[in-house]
Amino acid sequence: MDTRHLARIGAIAFVAVALTMTALQLREEPKPVPVEVTTVFEPDGDPLPAQLRACAQMGELALSSPDCRAAWAEKRRRFLGLESRAVDAVDATAAPAPSSEPQQAKEQ
């Protein structure tokens, strides 16, 4: 046997195996992709999530709204697990609300 003849037989066998495997893969049904379900727990009767959504939709106007400031303070209190006195202290040190009046430039 000639080595060229043996190489051709090997190449033909390789191509035949590759085509067979491809045909078998195409014949199989694709497996369905499992749908990932995410559930969010929102306690019934709690108005805070609705208030926070409303504040988010207000945009910059929410910065001057006392209702939004109170909702954010309550959210911080719940998230950090602080007592109401500690949250009041944090709110007292917070930056003042932006005003809509133009500010005068400081003279040096």
N, C-alpha and C. Protein backbone atom coordinates (compact mmCIF):
# COMPACT_ATOMS: atom_id res chain seq x y z
N MET A 1 0.83 -1.18 0.00
CA MET A 1 0.00 0.00 0.00
C MET A 1 0.87 1.24 0.00
N ASP A 2 0.44 2.14 -0.75
CA ASP A 2 1.13 3.42 -0.86
C ASP A 2 0.68 4.33 0.29
N THR A 3 1.56 5.19 0.81
CA THR A 3 1.21 6.07 1.92
C THR A 3 0.17 7.12 1.50
N ARG A 4 0.20 7.50 0.23
CA ARG A 4 -0.81 8.46 -0.24
C ARG A 4 -2.20 7.81 -0.20
N HIS A 5 -2.23 6.56 -0.59
CA HIS A 5 -3.50 5.83 -0.59
C HIS A 5 -4.01 5.68 0.84
N LEU A 6 -3.14 5.40 1.79
CA LEU A 6 -3.51 5.26 3.19
C LEU A 6 -3.97 6.60 3.76
N ALA A 7 -3.34 7.69 3.41
CA ALA A 7 -3.72 9.03 3.88
C ALA A 7 -5.10 9.40 3.35
N ARG A 8 -5.38 9.06 2.10
CA ARG A 8 -6.70 9.35 1.53
C ARG A 8 -7.79 8.56 2.24
N ILE A 9 -7.54 7.33 2.56
CA ILE A 9 -8.52 6.50 3.27
C ILE A 9 -8.78 7.09 4.67
N GLY A 10 -7.72 7.52 5.32
CA GLY A 10 -7.86 8.13 6.65
C GLY A 10 -8.66 9.42 6.57
N ALA A 11 -8.40 10.26 5.56
CA ALA A 11 -9.13 11.51 5.41
C ALA A 11 -10.61 11.25 5.12
N ILE A 12 -10.88 10.26 4.25
CA ILE A 12 -12.26 9.92 3.93
C ILE A 12 -12.99 9.40 5.17
N ALA A 13 -12.31 8.60 5.98
CA ALA A 13 -12.91 8.07 7.20
C ALA A 13 -13.20 9.22 8.18
N PHE A 14 -12.28 10.16 8.29
CA PHE A 14 -12.48 11.30 9.18
C PHE A 14 -13.68 12.14 8.74
N VAL A 15 -13.79 12.42 7.45
CA VAL A 15 -14.92 13.19 6.93
C VAL A 15 -16.23 12.43 7.13
N ALA A 16 -16.20 11.11 6.94
CA ALA A 16 -17.41 10.32 7.12
C ALA A 16 -17.88 10.36 8.57
N VAL A 17 -16.94 10.25 9.51
CA VAL A 17 -17.30 10.31 10.93
C VAL A 17 -17.84 11.70 11.27
N ALA A 18 -17.22 12.76 10.75
CA ALA A 18 -17.67 14.12 11.03
C ALA A 18 -19.08 14.34 10.48
N LEU A 19 -19.35 13.88 9.27
CA LEU A 19 -20.69 14.03 8.68
C LEU A 19 -21.73 13.23 9.46
N THR A 20 -21.38 12.05 9.91
CA THR A 20 -22.31 11.23 10.69
C THR A 20 -22.65 11.90 12.01
N MET A 21 -21.65 12.41 12.69
CA MET A 21 -21.88 13.10 13.97
C MET A 21 -22.74 14.36 13.77
N THR A 22 -22.49 15.08 12.69
CA THR A 22 -23.28 16.27 12.39
C THR A 22 -24.73 15.90 12.14
N ALA A 23 -24.97 14.85 11.38
CA ALA A 23 -26.33 14.41 11.09
C ALA A 23 -27.04 13.97 12.36
N LEU A 24 -26.34 13.31 13.26
CA LEU A 24 -26.95 12.89 14.51
C LEU A 24 -27.30 14.09 15.40
N GLN A 25 -26.44 15.09 15.41
CA GLN A 25 -26.72 16.29 16.20
C GLN A 25 -27.91 17.06 15.65
N LEU A 26 -28.04 17.13 14.35
CA LEU A 26 -29.15 17.86 13.74
C LEU A 26 -30.48 17.13 13.91
N ARG A 27 -30.44 15.83 14.07
CA ARG A 27 -31.66 15.04 14.23
C ARG A 27 -32.29 15.21 15.60
N GLU A 28 -31.50 15.51 16.62
CA GLU A 28 -32.01 15.62 17.98
C GLU A 28 -32.82 16.90 18.14
N GLU A 29 -33.85 16.82 19.00
CA GLU A 29 -34.67 17.98 19.33
C GLU A 29 -33.86 18.89 20.27
N PRO A 30 -33.92 20.19 20.06
CA PRO A 30 -33.21 21.08 20.99
C PRO A 30 -33.90 21.07 22.35
N LYS A 31 -33.11 21.09 23.39
CA LYS A 31 -33.65 21.08 24.74
C LYS A 31 -34.22 22.45 25.06
N PRO A 32 -35.39 22.50 25.69
CA PRO A 32 -35.97 23.81 26.03
C PRO A 32 -35.12 24.51 27.09
N VAL A 33 -35.00 25.80 26.94
CA VAL A 33 -34.23 26.60 27.88
C VAL A 33 -35.11 26.87 29.10
N PRO A 34 -34.65 26.51 30.29
CA PRO A 34 -35.48 26.75 31.47
C PRO A 34 -35.65 28.25 31.71
N VAL A 35 -36.87 28.65 32.02
CA VAL A 35 -37.17 30.05 32.29
C VAL A 35 -36.85 30.35 33.74
N GLU A 36 -36.06 31.39 33.96
CA GLU A 36 -35.68 31.77 35.31
C GLU A 36 -36.77 32.65 35.90
N VAL A 37 -37.30 32.25 37.02
CA VAL A 37 -38.38 32.98 37.68
C VAL A 37 -37.81 33.72 38.88
N THR A 38 -38.05 35.01 38.94
CA THR A 38 -37.60 35.81 40.06
C THR A 38 -38.83 36.32 40.80
N THR A 39 -38.90 36.03 42.07
CA THR A 39 -40.03 36.51 42.86
C THR A 39 -39.53 37.56 43.83
N VAL A 40 -40.30 38.62 43.97
CA VAL A 40 -39.97 39.71 44.88
C VAL A 40 -41.06 39.76 45.95
N PHE A 41 -40.64 39.74 47.18
CA PHE A 41 -41.59 39.77 48.28
C PHE A 41 -41.92 41.22 48.61
N GLU A 42 -43.19 41.56 48.50
CA GLU A 42 -43.67 42.87 48.92
C GLU A 42 -44.81 42.63 49.90
N PRO A 43 -44.63 43.00 51.14
CA PRO A 43 -45.69 42.76 52.12
C PRO A 43 -46.95 43.53 51.75
N ASP A 44 -48.09 42.91 52.01
CA ASP A 44 -49.37 43.56 51.73
C ASP A 44 -49.59 44.72 52.70
N GLY A 45 -50.18 45.78 52.19
CA GLY A 45 -50.52 46.91 53.04
C GLY A 45 -49.37 47.85 53.32
N ASP A 46 -48.19 47.64 52.75
CA ASP A 46 -47.06 48.53 52.98
C ASP A 46 -47.03 49.57 51.86
N PRO A 47 -47.28 50.85 52.17
CA PRO A 47 -47.32 51.87 51.12
C PRO A 47 -45.94 52.36 50.69
N LEU A 48 -44.88 51.95 51.39
CA LEU A 48 -43.54 52.47 51.08
C LEU A 48 -43.07 52.15 49.66
N PRO A 49 -43.19 50.90 49.17
CA PRO A 49 -42.73 50.65 47.79
C PRO A 49 -43.46 51.49 46.75
N ALA A 50 -44.76 51.68 46.93
CA ALA A 50 -45.51 52.50 45.98
C ALA A 50 -45.05 53.95 46.04
N GLN A 51 -44.78 54.44 47.25
CA GLN A 51 -44.31 55.82 47.42
C GLN A 51 -42.93 56.00 46.79
N LEU A 52 -42.06 55.02 46.96
CA LEU A 52 -40.72 55.11 46.36
C LEU A 52 -40.79 55.08 44.83
N ARG A 53 -41.69 54.27 44.28
CA ARG A 53 -41.87 54.26 42.82
C ARG A 53 -42.37 55.61 42.32
N ALA A 54 -43.33 56.19 43.06
CA ALA A 54 -43.85 57.51 42.67
C ALA A 54 -42.75 58.57 42.72
N CYS A 55 -41.91 58.51 43.73
CA CYS A 55 -40.80 59.46 43.84
C CYS A 55 -39.79 59.27 42.71
N ALA A 56 -39.56 58.03 42.32
CA ALA A 56 -38.63 57.76 41.22
C ALA A 56 -39.16 58.33 39.91
N GLN A 57 -40.47 58.30 39.74
CA GLN A 57 -41.06 58.83 38.51
C GLN A 57 -41.09 60.35 38.50
N MET A 58 -41.01 60.99 39.68
CA MET A 58 -41.05 62.44 39.75
C MET A 58 -39.76 63.09 39.26
N GLY A 59 -38.67 62.36 39.31
CA GLY A 59 -37.39 62.92 38.86
C GLY A 59 -36.83 63.91 39.87
N GLU A 60 -36.35 65.06 39.39
CA GLU A 60 -35.73 66.05 40.27
C GLU A 60 -36.71 66.71 41.22
N LEU A 61 -37.97 66.73 40.88
CA LEU A 61 -38.97 67.32 41.77
C LEU A 61 -39.05 66.57 43.09
N ALA A 62 -38.66 65.32 43.10
CA ALA A 62 -38.71 64.52 44.32
C ALA A 62 -37.73 65.03 45.36
N LEU A 63 -36.68 65.73 44.94
CA LEU A 63 -35.70 66.24 45.90
C LEU A 63 -36.30 67.26 46.84
N SER A 64 -37.28 68.02 46.38
CA SER A 64 -37.89 69.05 47.22
C SER A 64 -39.19 68.59 47.87
N SER A 65 -39.61 67.36 47.62
CA SER A 65 -40.87 66.86 48.18
C SER A 65 -40.64 66.29 49.58
N PRO A 66 -41.35 66.82 50.57
CA PRO A 66 -41.19 66.27 51.93
C PRO A 66 -41.66 64.83 52.04
N ASP A 67 -42.67 64.46 51.24
CA ASP A 67 -43.14 63.08 51.27
C ASP A 67 -42.05 62.12 50.78
N CYS A 68 -41.34 62.50 49.72
CA CYS A 68 -40.27 61.65 49.20
C CYS A 68 -39.10 61.58 50.18
N ARG A 69 -38.79 62.71 50.80
CA ARG A 69 -37.71 62.70 51.79
C ARG A 69 -38.05 61.77 52.95
N ALA A 70 -39.30 61.79 53.38
CA ALA A 70 -39.73 60.91 54.47
C ALA A 70 -39.69 59.45 54.04
N ALA A 71 -40.09 59.18 52.79
CA ALA A 71 -40.06 57.80 52.29
C ALA A 71 -38.62 57.29 52.21
N TRP A 72 -37.71 58.14 51.75
CA TRP A 72 -36.30 57.72 51.66
C TRP A 72 -35.71 57.49 53.04
N ALA A 73 -36.09 58.35 54.00
CA ALA A 73 -35.60 58.17 55.37
C ALA A 73 -36.09 56.85 55.95
N GLU A 74 -37.35 56.52 55.69
CA GLU A 74 -37.90 55.26 56.18
C GLU A 74 -37.20 54.07 55.51
N LYS A 75 -36.92 54.20 54.21
CA LYS A 75 -36.21 53.12 53.49
C LYS A 75 -34.82 52.92 54.08
N ARG A 76 -34.11 54.03 54.34
CA ARG A 76 -32.78 53.92 54.97
C ARG A 76 -32.88 53.27 56.34
N ARG A 77 -33.91 53.68 57.12
CA ARG A 77 -34.06 53.13 58.46
C ARG A 77 -34.28 51.62 58.40
N ARG A 78 -35.12 51.18 57.47
CA ARG A 78 -35.38 49.74 57.34
C ARG A 78 -34.15 49.00 56.84
N PHE A 79 -33.46 49.58 55.86
CA PHE A 79 -32.31 48.90 55.27
C PHE A 79 -31.18 48.78 56.28
N LEU A 80 -30.90 49.87 56.99
CA LEU A 80 -29.78 49.86 57.93
C LEU A 80 -30.16 49.27 59.28
N GLY A 81 -31.44 49.09 59.53
CA GLY A 81 -31.88 48.53 60.80
C GLY A 81 -31.67 49.49 61.95
N LEU A 82 -31.80 50.78 61.67
CA LEU A 82 -31.58 51.80 62.69
C LEU A 82 -32.90 52.15 63.38
N GLU A 83 -32.77 52.73 64.58
CA GLU A 83 -33.94 53.26 65.25
C GLU A 83 -34.27 54.61 64.64
N SER A 84 -35.46 55.09 64.86
CA SER A 84 -35.88 56.35 64.24
C SER A 84 -35.04 57.54 64.70
N ARG A 85 -34.53 57.54 65.93
CA ARG A 85 -33.70 58.66 66.41
C ARG A 85 -32.40 58.74 65.63
N ALA A 86 -31.82 57.58 65.30
CA ALA A 86 -30.57 57.58 64.54
C ALA A 86 -30.79 58.10 63.13
N VAL A 87 -31.92 57.79 62.53
CA VAL A 87 -32.22 58.27 61.18
C VAL A 87 -32.44 59.76 61.20
N ASP A 88 -33.10 60.29 62.26
CA ASP A 88 -33.29 61.73 62.36
C ASP A 88 -31.95 62.45 62.44
N ALA A 89 -30.99 61.85 63.14
CA ALA A 89 -29.66 62.45 63.23
C ALA A 89 -28.97 62.44 61.88
N VAL A 90 -29.15 61.38 61.11
CA VAL A 90 -28.56 61.30 59.77
C VAL A 90 -29.20 62.34 58.86
N ASP A 91 -30.53 62.50 58.94
CA ASP A 91 -31.23 63.47 58.11
C ASP A 91 -30.84 64.90 58.47
N ALA A 92 -30.55 65.15 59.74
CA ALA A 92 -30.17 66.49 60.16
C ALA A 92 -28.81 66.89 59.59
N THR A 93 -27.93 65.92 59.39
CA THR A 93 -26.61 66.23 58.84
C THR A 93 -26.57 66.15 57.33
N ALA A 94 -27.68 65.78 56.70
CA ALA A 94 -27.73 65.66 55.24
C ALA A 94 -27.64 67.05 54.61
N ALA A 95 -27.29 67.05 53.35
CA ALA A 95 -27.17 68.30 52.61
C ALA A 95 -28.53 68.97 52.51
N PRO A 96 -28.57 70.31 52.53
CA PRO A 96 -29.85 71.00 52.42
C PRO A 96 -30.48 70.78 51.04
N ALA A 97 -31.78 70.93 50.99
CA ALA A 97 -32.50 70.74 49.73
C ALA A 97 -32.11 71.83 48.75
N PRO A 98 -31.95 71.48 47.47
CA PRO A 98 -31.60 72.50 46.48
C PRO A 98 -32.79 73.44 46.27
N SER A 99 -32.48 74.72 46.13
CA SER A 99 -33.55 75.69 45.91
C SER A 99 -33.59 76.07 44.44
N SER A 100 -34.75 76.58 44.02
CA SER A 100 -34.90 76.95 42.62
C SER A 100 -34.46 78.39 42.37
N GLU A 101 -34.09 79.13 43.45
CA GLU A 101 -33.66 80.51 43.30
C GLU A 101 -32.18 80.54 42.89
N PRO A 102 -31.81 81.47 42.01
CA PRO A 102 -30.39 81.57 41.65
C PRO A 102 -29.58 82.11 42.84
N GLN A 103 -28.38 81.61 42.97
CA GLN A 103 -27.54 82.02 44.08
C GLN A 103 -26.58 83.10 43.61
N GLN A 104 -26.29 84.03 44.52
CA GLN A 104 -25.38 85.13 44.22
C GLN A 104 -23.93 84.63 44.32
N ALA A 105 -23.10 85.13 43.44
CA ALA A 105 -21.69 84.77 43.48
C ALA A 105 -21.03 85.45 44.66
N LYS A 106 -20.13 84.73 45.32
CA LYS A 106 -19.42 85.29 46.47
C LYS A 106 -18.35 86.24 45.97
N GLU A 107 -18.28 87.41 46.65
CA GLU A 107 -17.23 88.35 46.29
C GLU A 107 -16.04 88.13 47.19
N GLN A 108 -14.88 88.33 46.62
CA GLN A 108 -13.66 88.08 47.41
C GLN A 108 -13.05 89.36 47.87
